[in-house]
Amino acid sequence: MPIEIVSLHDRPAFIEACSAWAYGQWGVHSPRTLEETRLLFASAAHGSGLPLTWVAQHGNYPVGMASLADNDCSKRPDLRPWLAAVFVHPDYRGRGLASRLIETVETAARARGEERLYLITAHQQTLYERHGWRRTGTVDYPDRPCILMEKHFAPADARP
């Protein structure tokens, strides 16, 4: 059975899984509560603007996710939009799902006319560099050093 990338908007039943993953993975290093995290994913599933979230789905189960967010780092409110919440369940790592999810978000950003994206990562710089991202600095978020990265899209890429 193939793994599909689907919009959380089309699979709102996955809100709880996405919230649990995000809070479990980054909650201890985030100023957001579990409930605030759940509300962000509910917004991605039911709203019309950002955030937007895509989920890797194997059968009836979510196995990964990634989001396009207006802002993912309160210490850098001047930067927008962001690739955020890239997560693949440990049982599904090593299958290229993170790459597929990153590419899905990048495609959506270009379709929206975005010229660049930002992200922060504590440990996955190499993964993003393989996708053409470049390091632009560091930011303590909220209290640990993270690498700030960006990706520019060629002007032709910005058109749908």
Protein backbone atom coordinates (compact mmCIF):
# COMPACT_ATOMS: atom_id res chain seq x y z
CA MET A 1 0.00 0.00 0.00
CA PRO A 2 1.56 3.32 -1.06
CA ILE A 3 2.05 6.23 1.31
CA GLU A 4 0.08 9.29 0.21
CA ILE A 5 0.61 12.92 1.08
CA VAL A 6 -2.77 14.47 1.92
CA SER A 7 -3.94 17.79 3.27
CA LEU A 8 -4.94 17.90 6.92
CA HIS A 9 -7.94 19.83 5.64
CA ASP A 10 -9.03 16.60 3.92
CA ARG A 11 -8.21 14.44 6.97
CA PRO A 12 -9.26 16.42 10.08
CA ALA A 13 -9.33 13.17 12.05
CA PHE A 14 -5.51 13.42 12.06
CA ILE A 15 -5.50 16.68 14.11
CA GLU A 16 -4.90 14.84 17.38
CA ALA A 17 -1.98 12.79 16.01
CA CYS A 18 -0.32 15.88 14.52
CA SER A 19 -0.78 17.79 17.77
CA ALA A 20 0.66 14.95 19.83
CA TRP A 21 3.67 14.59 17.53
CA ALA A 22 4.39 18.32 17.51
CA TYR A 23 4.03 18.69 21.24
CA GLY A 24 5.94 15.49 21.96
CA GLN A 25 8.78 16.43 19.61
CA TRP A 26 9.11 20.16 20.34
CA GLY A 27 6.76 20.96 23.23
CA VAL A 28 9.43 20.92 25.90
CA HIS A 29 11.33 23.54 23.86
CA SER A 30 8.29 25.61 22.90
CA PRO A 31 6.30 28.26 24.72
CA ARG A 32 3.08 26.64 23.40
CA THR A 33 0.92 24.35 25.49
CA LEU A 34 -0.53 21.10 24.16
CA GLU A 35 -3.92 22.80 23.81
CA GLU A 36 -2.41 25.72 21.86
CA THR A 37 -0.65 23.20 19.63
CA ARG A 38 -3.94 21.38 19.03
CA LEU A 39 -5.63 24.68 18.14
CA LEU A 40 -2.91 25.40 15.55
CA PHE A 41 -3.53 22.08 13.83
CA ALA A 42 -7.30 22.54 14.07
CA SER A 43 -6.80 25.88 12.33
CA ALA A 44 -4.73 24.18 9.63
CA ALA A 45 -7.52 21.66 9.09
CA HIS A 46 -10.43 24.08 9.12
CA GLY A 47 -9.05 27.50 8.20
CA SER A 48 -8.53 29.12 4.85
CA GLY A 49 -5.16 30.81 5.44
CA LEU A 50 -1.97 29.74 7.14
CA PRO A 51 -1.05 27.40 8.70
CA LEU A 52 -1.51 24.63 6.17
CA THR A 53 -0.48 21.09 7.06
CA TRP A 54 0.10 17.98 4.97
CA VAL A 55 0.14 14.48 6.36
CA ALA A 56 1.84 11.34 5.11
CA GLN A 57 -0.85 8.66 5.26
CA HIS A 58 -0.30 4.89 5.13
CA GLY A 59 -3.65 3.20 4.85
CA ASN A 60 -5.87 4.87 7.42
CA TYR A 61 -2.99 6.02 9.60
CA PRO A 62 -0.96 9.23 9.70
CA VAL A 63 2.79 8.57 9.64
CA GLY A 64 4.30 12.04 9.13
CA MET A 65 3.54 15.72 8.66
CA ALA A 66 4.84 19.14 7.60
CA SER A 67 3.33 22.63 7.69
CA LEU A 68 3.48 25.96 5.92
CA ALA A 69 3.15 28.52 8.72
CA ASP A 70 3.03 32.29 8.83
CA ASN A 71 5.56 32.27 11.67
CA ASP A 72 7.31 29.48 13.54
CA CYS A 73 9.69 31.53 15.68
CA SER A 74 8.41 34.32 17.89
CA LYS A 75 11.95 35.69 18.17
CA ARG A 76 11.94 36.38 14.40
CA PRO A 77 8.53 37.93 13.65
CA ASP A 78 10.11 39.78 10.71
CA LEU A 79 10.47 36.55 8.72
CA ARG A 80 7.63 34.80 6.94
CA PRO A 81 6.46 32.24 5.87
CA TRP A 82 7.98 29.14 7.43
CA LEU A 83 8.40 25.45 6.77
CA ALA A 84 7.42 24.01 10.16
CA ALA A 85 6.64 20.82 12.05
CA VAL A 86 8.40 18.37 9.75
CA PHE A 87 8.02 15.03 11.48
CA VAL A 88 8.04 11.39 10.39
CA HIS A 89 7.10 8.61 12.78
CA PRO A 90 10.22 6.60 13.69
CA ASP A 91 8.79 3.42 12.13
CA TYR A 92 8.59 5.19 8.74
CA ARG A 93 11.92 7.01 8.66
CA GLY A 94 14.43 6.23 5.94
CA ARG A 95 11.78 6.01 3.20
CA GLY A 96 12.09 9.55 1.84
CA LEU A 97 8.93 10.80 3.52
CA ALA A 98 10.55 13.89 5.04
CA SER A 99 11.78 14.83 1.58
CA ARG A 100 8.32 14.36 0.07
CA LEU A 101 6.75 16.45 2.82
CA ILE A 102 9.33 19.23 2.46
CA GLU A 103 8.78 19.29 -1.32
CA THR A 104 5.00 19.43 -0.81
CA VAL A 105 5.30 22.51 1.41
CA GLU A 106 7.77 24.16 -0.96
CA THR A 107 5.41 23.57 -3.90
CA ALA A 108 2.51 25.06 -1.96
CA ALA A 109 4.59 28.11 -1.02
CA ARG A 110 5.59 28.70 -4.64
CA ALA A 111 1.94 28.31 -5.74
CA ARG A 112 1.01 31.02 -3.22
CA GLY A 113 3.59 33.31 -4.84
CA GLU A 114 6.12 33.14 -2.01
CA GLU A 115 9.69 33.98 -2.95
CA ARG A 116 11.33 32.31 0.05
CA LEU A 117 10.75 30.17 3.11
CA TYR A 118 12.41 30.02 6.52
CA LEU A 119 12.88 27.30 9.10
CA ILE A 120 14.66 26.61 12.35
CA THR A 121 16.20 23.28 13.24
CA ALA A 122 18.26 22.02 16.12
CA HIS A 123 19.57 18.83 14.48
CA GLN A 124 18.49 18.39 10.85
CA GLN A 125 20.55 20.98 8.96
CA THR A 126 21.95 18.35 6.57
CA LEU A 127 18.47 17.16 5.54
CA TYR A 128 17.45 20.68 4.56
CA GLU A 129 20.75 21.45 2.84
CA ARG A 130 20.08 18.47 0.54
CA HIS A 131 16.93 20.35 -0.53
CA GLY A 132 18.75 23.58 -1.33
CA TRP A 133 18.28 25.36 2.01
CA ARG A 134 21.11 27.48 3.36
CA ARG A 135 22.08 28.44 6.85
CA THR A 136 21.62 32.14 7.57
CA GLY A 137 22.38 32.28 11.29
CA THR A 138 21.27 31.01 14.67
CA VAL A 139 18.46 31.90 17.00
CA ASP A 140 17.88 30.86 20.60
CA TYR A 141 14.37 29.45 20.55
CA PRO A 142 13.08 29.57 23.12
CA ASP A 143 16.21 28.88 25.13
CA ARG A 144 18.36 26.57 23.01
CA PRO A 145 20.42 27.39 19.94
CA CYS A 146 18.72 26.55 16.67
CA ILE A 147 19.97 26.99 13.13
CA LEU A 148 18.02 29.50 11.06
CA MET A 149 17.76 28.48 7.41
CA GLU A 150 16.14 29.91 4.31
CA LYS A 151 15.36 28.89 0.79
CA HIS A 152 14.84 31.31 -2.09
CA PHE A 153 12.75 30.33 -5.07
CA ALA A 154 13.68 31.49 -8.56
CA PRO A 155 11.18 34.08 -9.89
CA ALA A 156 9.87 31.58 -12.45
CA ASP A 157 9.22 29.12 -9.60
CA ALA A 158 6.92 31.61 -7.87
CA ARG A 159 4.28 31.34 -10.59
CA PRO A 160 1.66 28.60 -10.26
